[in-house]
Amino acid sequence: MGSPAFAVPALRALVAAGHEIAAVYAQPPRPAHRGHALTKCAVHEAAESLGLPVRTPARVKRNTAEHEAFAARGLDAAVVAAYGLILPTPMLYAPRLGCINIHASLLPRWRGAAPIHAAILAGDTETGITIMRMDQGLDTGPTYLSRAVPIGPRATTPELHDTLAALGAELIVAALAALPPAVPQPEQGVTYAAKLSREDGRLDFSRDATALGRQVRALTPWPGTFTSFGGEALKVLQAEPALGQGEAGAILDASFTVACGDGALRLLRVQRPGRPAVAGDAFLRGVTGWQGASLS
């Protein structure tokens, strides 16, 4: 049970390990791209390439027919990885071993919807994968296995995503092979990673440059970080803290260094609406009168 690319390595690993996949559950196809054509999610496409049956219910919470069909499969376990739908009690406890989740953090830190982004935003030096048995809470169930990975000073969400997806595939196979005792999560150290929105990507240059650098690394490509230049939205695709000081938001030099509340942020790659992405200094070369201008 999964939808985005994060869950694909786990699906392939389960098949390679010889597990009998009774069905693959994924979110239904949705309009995407310029033509808004119905597009299958990454797990749906991977399952079809493996010749596996796919179910795509739009809702499962009150879908009693789906609950009954799920229970009728006589499952040993359901593996869940970023499925995107909340599983109701009848489905949580239908498999003999329950529903086993691949979660992209070291629980109980960063329960919730966006744990990879949250770890980078917070400046954590490590994160990891936890294999846990789901219950009715939000990522509160007992854990089987976990393994940490470091977060480097320049790590981005896409890089960390791929590392954790591969690790999740490895650990779910190991967990199903041995099924170690499930250990309750500690009550201390609980944090939550809230669902992200576009507004979370707005850069507030009154903040310190280190935090803004983490924001760009965490929220690119989605939901994306942005500012306003000359009354027009400007996406910031890559940035790094730099030397410099001045009034927050002021452009300090031709390298597109911007003053922050503490320190400065160099905008390395930016994009105007409907235009290709360009290097920050190249963007300024195409702008007249940027000296003394500010971002907001």
Protein backbone atom coordinates (compact mmCIF):
# COMPACT_ATOMS: atom_id res chain seq x y z
CA MET A 1 0.00 0.00 0.00
CA GLY A 2 1.82 3.06 -1.29
CA SER A 3 1.65 5.80 -3.88
CA PRO A 4 4.75 7.95 -4.55
CA ALA A 5 8.25 7.03 -5.72
CA PHE A 6 9.36 6.59 -2.10
CA ALA A 7 7.40 3.31 -1.92
CA VAL A 8 8.60 1.78 -5.20
CA PRO A 9 11.93 0.31 -3.94
CA ALA A 10 10.04 -1.46 -1.13
CA LEU A 11 7.55 -2.99 -3.57
CA ARG A 12 10.34 -4.23 -5.82
CA ALA A 13 12.29 -5.59 -2.85
CA LEU A 14 9.28 -7.52 -1.56
CA VAL A 15 8.79 -9.13 -4.96
CA ALA A 16 12.52 -9.92 -5.26
CA ALA A 17 12.48 -11.52 -1.79
CA GLY A 18 9.83 -13.98 -2.97
CA HIS A 19 6.82 -12.65 -1.08
CA GLU A 20 3.43 -13.35 -2.64
CA ILE A 21 1.84 -9.96 -3.29
CA ALA A 22 -1.92 -10.42 -3.08
CA ALA A 23 -2.63 -6.89 -4.29
CA VAL A 24 -1.10 -3.46 -4.55
CA TYR A 25 -3.14 -0.52 -3.24
CA ALA A 26 -2.34 2.93 -4.64
CA GLN A 27 -4.00 6.30 -4.93
CA PRO A 28 -6.17 6.58 -8.06
CA PRO A 29 -4.90 8.25 -11.25
CA ARG A 30 -5.20 12.03 -11.16
CA PRO A 31 -4.92 14.87 -13.71
CA ALA A 32 -1.32 15.97 -14.16
CA HIS A 33 1.01 17.93 -16.42
CA ARG A 34 -0.07 20.56 -18.93
CA GLY A 35 -2.72 18.46 -20.62
CA HIS A 36 -4.24 17.39 -17.28
CA ALA A 37 -4.33 13.80 -18.51
CA LEU A 38 -5.11 11.16 -15.89
CA THR A 39 -1.74 9.93 -14.62
CA LYS A 40 -1.00 6.85 -12.57
CA CYS A 41 1.14 7.27 -9.46
CA ALA A 42 4.63 5.76 -9.27
CA VAL A 43 3.55 2.67 -7.31
CA HIS A 44 0.68 1.97 -9.71
CA GLU A 45 3.05 2.04 -12.68
CA ALA A 46 5.64 -0.12 -10.91
CA ALA A 47 3.02 -2.69 -9.90
CA GLU A 48 1.74 -2.99 -13.46
CA SER A 49 5.29 -3.44 -14.76
CA LEU A 50 5.64 -6.34 -12.29
CA GLY A 51 2.33 -7.87 -13.38
CA LEU A 52 0.65 -7.28 -10.03
CA PRO A 53 -3.05 -6.54 -9.50
CA VAL A 54 -3.71 -2.93 -8.48
CA ARG A 55 -6.61 -1.47 -6.51
CA THR A 56 -7.15 2.29 -6.44
CA PRO A 57 -10.04 3.19 -4.11
CA ALA A 58 -10.49 6.93 -3.76
CA ARG A 59 -11.55 6.46 -0.12
CA VAL A 60 -11.26 3.66 2.39
CA LYS A 61 -12.39 5.17 5.71
CA ARG A 62 -16.09 4.36 5.34
CA ASN A 63 -15.85 2.06 2.35
CA THR A 64 -17.26 -1.12 3.91
CA ALA A 65 -17.08 -3.00 0.61
CA GLU A 66 -13.34 -2.31 0.49
CA HIS A 67 -12.95 -3.36 4.14
CA GLU A 68 -14.62 -6.69 3.35
CA ALA A 69 -12.59 -7.28 0.18
CA PHE A 70 -9.39 -6.48 2.09
CA ALA A 71 -10.21 -8.90 4.91
CA ALA A 72 -11.24 -11.62 2.43
CA ARG A 73 -7.72 -11.75 1.02
CA GLY A 74 -6.47 -13.60 4.10
CA LEU A 75 -3.32 -11.51 4.31
CA ASP A 76 -0.37 -12.27 6.55
CA ALA A 77 0.65 -8.61 6.50
CA ALA A 78 0.05 -5.33 4.72
CA VAL A 79 3.12 -3.21 4.04
CA VAL A 80 2.33 0.51 4.00
CA ALA A 81 4.67 3.22 2.67
CA ALA A 82 3.37 6.75 2.03
CA TYR A 83 -0.01 5.43 0.90
CA GLY A 84 -1.75 8.76 1.46
CA LEU A 85 -5.05 7.45 2.85
CA ILE A 86 -5.82 6.88 6.53
CA LEU A 87 -6.57 3.22 7.15
CA PRO A 88 -9.68 2.56 9.27
CA THR A 89 -9.71 0.05 12.13
CA PRO A 90 -11.21 -2.84 10.11
CA MET A 91 -8.29 -2.66 7.68
CA LEU A 92 -5.59 -2.02 10.29
CA TYR A 93 -6.29 -5.29 12.05
CA ALA A 94 -7.43 -7.51 9.18
CA PRO A 95 -4.00 -9.00 8.29
CA ARG A 96 -2.67 -11.68 10.63
CA LEU A 97 0.39 -9.57 11.51
CA GLY A 98 -1.34 -6.24 11.05
CA CYS A 99 -0.29 -3.31 8.86
CA ILE A 100 3.45 -2.66 8.91
CA ASN A 101 4.59 0.85 8.03
CA ILE A 102 7.86 2.10 6.55
CA HIS A 103 8.28 5.53 8.17
CA ALA A 104 10.99 7.99 7.10
CA SER A 105 12.23 9.12 10.51
CA LEU A 106 13.59 7.78 13.77
CA LEU A 107 10.34 7.57 15.69
CA PRO A 108 9.03 9.12 17.87
CA ARG A 109 10.80 12.11 16.27
CA TRP A 110 8.89 13.46 13.28
CA ARG A 111 5.64 11.59 13.30
CA GLY A 112 3.34 12.82 10.57
CA ALA A 113 3.17 13.75 6.91
CA ALA A 114 6.53 15.32 5.98
CA PRO A 115 9.30 13.82 8.15
CA ILE A 116 12.13 14.20 5.61
CA HIS A 117 11.44 17.90 5.07
CA ALA A 118 11.03 18.47 8.82
CA ALA A 119 14.37 16.89 9.70
CA ILE A 120 16.26 19.19 7.30
CA LEU A 121 14.27 22.26 8.34
CA ALA A 122 15.10 21.63 11.99
CA GLY A 123 18.82 21.22 11.33
CA ASP A 124 18.88 17.60 12.53
CA THR A 125 22.19 15.84 11.99
CA GLU A 126 20.58 12.44 11.47
CA THR A 127 17.33 10.79 10.54
CA GLY A 128 16.48 7.28 9.40
CA ILE A 129 13.87 4.62 8.76
CA THR A 130 11.59 3.01 11.33
CA ILE A 131 9.58 -0.14 10.63
CA MET A 132 6.50 -0.05 12.86
CA ARG A 133 3.17 -1.78 13.38
CA MET A 134 0.36 0.65 12.73
CA ASP A 135 -2.35 1.41 15.24
CA GLN A 136 -5.13 3.99 15.34
CA GLY A 137 -2.80 6.85 16.30
CA LEU A 138 -0.60 9.00 14.07
CA ASP A 139 2.62 6.96 13.76
CA THR A 140 2.28 5.88 17.39
CA GLY A 141 2.52 2.10 17.02
CA PRO A 142 5.28 -0.15 18.37
CA THR A 143 8.48 -0.46 16.33
CA TYR A 144 10.32 -3.47 14.92
CA LEU A 145 13.50 -2.06 13.42
CA SER A 146 15.16 1.29 12.85
CA ARG A 147 18.39 2.51 11.33
CA ALA A 148 19.90 5.97 11.29
CA VAL A 149 21.53 7.85 8.42
CA PRO A 150 23.45 11.13 8.70
CA ILE A 151 22.13 14.40 7.28
CA GLY A 152 25.02 16.26 5.69
CA PRO A 153 25.34 20.06 5.88
CA ARG A 154 24.24 20.42 2.24
CA ALA A 155 21.71 17.56 2.12
CA THR A 156 18.54 18.16 0.12
CA THR A 157 15.15 16.51 0.43
CA PRO A 158 15.46 14.65 -2.92
CA GLU A 159 18.85 13.21 -1.93
CA LEU A 160 17.65 12.15 1.51
CA HIS A 161 14.41 10.80 0.03
CA ASP A 162 16.29 8.41 -2.27
CA THR A 163 18.62 7.25 0.51
CA LEU A 164 15.72 6.53 2.85
CA ALA A 165 13.60 4.84 0.17
CA ALA A 166 16.42 2.36 -0.47
CA LEU A 167 16.94 1.82 3.26
CA GLY A 168 13.21 1.30 3.80
CA ALA A 169 13.22 -1.43 1.16
CA GLU A 170 16.10 -3.17 2.88
CA LEU A 171 14.59 -2.95 6.36
CA ILE A 172 11.08 -4.09 5.45
CA VAL A 173 12.47 -7.28 3.93
CA ALA A 174 14.59 -7.84 7.05
CA ALA A 175 11.64 -7.17 9.35
CA LEU A 176 9.35 -9.62 7.56
CA ALA A 177 12.07 -12.27 7.54
CA ALA A 178 12.71 -12.13 11.28
CA LEU A 179 9.71 -10.21 12.73
CA PRO A 180 11.57 -9.09 15.86
CA PRO A 181 9.57 -8.17 18.97
CA ALA A 182 7.59 -4.94 18.64
CA VAL A 183 8.81 -2.33 21.13
CA PRO A 184 6.52 0.51 22.32
CA GLN A 185 7.74 3.96 21.38
CA PRO A 186 9.15 6.13 24.19
CA GLU A 187 6.93 8.91 25.45
CA GLN A 188 9.79 11.42 25.37
CA GLY A 189 11.13 13.10 22.24
CA VAL A 190 7.87 13.17 20.28
CA THR A 191 7.75 15.74 17.47
CA TYR A 192 5.33 16.20 14.56
CA ALA A 193 5.97 16.96 10.90
CA ALA A 194 2.92 18.83 9.68
CA LYS A 195 1.60 18.61 6.13
CA LEU A 196 3.25 21.28 3.98
CA SER A 197 1.60 23.99 1.90
CA ARG A 198 2.89 26.44 -0.69
CA GLU A 199 3.00 29.24 1.87
CA ASP A 200 5.60 27.28 3.85
CA GLY A 201 8.01 28.05 1.01
CA ARG A 202 7.91 31.85 1.37
CA LEU A 203 11.37 33.15 2.32
CA ASP A 204 11.35 35.66 5.17
CA PHE A 205 14.69 37.45 5.00
CA SER A 206 14.30 38.78 8.54
CA ARG A 207 15.23 35.26 9.66
CA ASP A 208 18.84 34.06 9.89
CA ALA A 209 20.62 32.87 6.75
CA THR A 210 21.32 29.37 8.07
CA ALA A 211 17.62 28.69 8.64
CA LEU A 212 16.75 30.06 5.18
CA GLY A 213 19.40 27.85 3.58
CA ARG A 214 17.82 24.83 5.26
CA GLN A 215 14.40 25.97 4.06
CA VAL A 216 15.56 25.98 0.44
CA ARG A 217 17.24 22.58 0.77
CA ALA A 218 14.20 21.09 2.50
CA LEU A 219 11.37 22.49 0.38
CA THR A 220 12.86 22.25 -3.12
CA PRO A 221 11.36 21.00 -5.40
CA TRP A 222 8.10 20.80 -3.42
CA PRO A 223 6.35 22.93 -2.29
CA GLY A 224 9.21 25.15 -3.49
CA THR A 225 10.74 28.28 -1.96
CA PHE A 226 10.06 31.73 -3.33
CA THR A 227 10.33 35.45 -2.79
CA SER A 228 9.15 38.58 -4.61
CA PHE A 229 11.37 40.73 -6.84
CA GLY A 230 9.98 43.84 -8.50
CA GLY A 231 6.43 42.76 -7.73
CA GLU A 232 6.94 39.40 -9.45
CA ALA A 233 7.25 35.98 -7.84
CA LEU A 234 10.74 34.50 -8.02
CA LYS A 235 11.39 30.85 -7.25
CA VAL A 236 14.60 30.12 -5.36
CA LEU A 237 15.85 26.69 -6.39
CA GLN A 238 19.27 26.69 -4.77
CA ALA A 239 20.89 28.92 -2.15
CA GLU A 240 23.59 28.91 0.50
CA PRO A 241 24.57 31.10 3.47
CA ALA A 242 27.24 33.68 2.62
CA LEU A 243 29.16 36.55 4.19
CA GLY A 244 27.43 39.88 4.21
CA GLN A 245 25.17 42.14 6.19
CA GLY A 246 22.63 44.82 5.60
CA GLU A 247 18.94 45.58 5.83
CA ALA A 248 16.96 42.32 5.60
CA GLY A 249 16.06 41.58 1.98
CA ALA A 250 18.58 43.98 0.43
CA ILE A 251 20.59 42.71 -2.56
CA LEU A 252 24.23 43.19 -1.56
CA ASP A 253 26.21 42.30 -4.69
CA ALA A 254 26.18 40.99 -8.27
CA SER A 255 26.41 37.39 -7.02
CA PHE A 256 22.82 37.81 -5.78
CA THR A 257 23.75 37.81 -2.11
CA VAL A 258 20.78 38.94 -0.01
CA ALA A 259 21.00 40.34 3.51
CA CYS A 260 19.13 38.43 6.21
CA GLY A 261 18.24 39.11 9.82
CA ASP A 262 21.53 37.43 10.67
CA GLY A 263 24.10 36.93 7.90
CA ALA A 264 23.29 36.69 4.21
CA LEU A 265 21.97 34.18 1.68
CA ARG A 266 23.39 33.77 -1.83
CA LEU A 267 20.73 32.81 -4.37
CA LEU A 268 22.53 30.36 -6.64
CA ARG A 269 19.66 29.35 -8.92
CA VAL A 270 16.34 31.13 -9.49
CA GLN A 271 13.37 31.02 -11.84
CA ARG A 272 10.79 33.54 -13.01
CA PRO A 273 7.25 32.35 -13.84
CA GLY A 274 7.18 30.77 -17.30
CA ARG A 275 10.95 31.13 -17.73
CA PRO A 276 13.79 28.60 -17.51
CA ALA A 277 15.85 28.40 -14.33
CA VAL A 278 19.09 30.42 -14.38
CA ALA A 279 22.06 31.06 -12.12
CA GLY A 280 21.47 33.86 -9.65
CA ASP A 281 24.27 36.07 -10.96
CA ALA A 282 23.04 35.55 -14.54
CA PHE A 283 19.56 36.66 -13.46
CA LEU A 284 20.94 39.93 -12.07
CA ARG A 285 22.92 40.59 -15.24
CA GLY A 286 19.60 40.73 -17.06
CA VAL A 287 18.12 43.23 -14.60
CA THR A 288 18.83 46.94 -14.66
CA GLY A 289 18.93 48.93 -11.46
CA TRP A 290 19.14 46.01 -9.05
CA GLN A 291 21.59 47.93 -6.86
CA GLY A 292 19.73 48.98 -3.74
CA ALA A 293 16.74 46.80 -4.57
CA SER A 294 15.20 44.46 -2.01
CA LEU A 295 13.37 41.15 -1.99
CA SER A 296 10.19 40.67 0.00
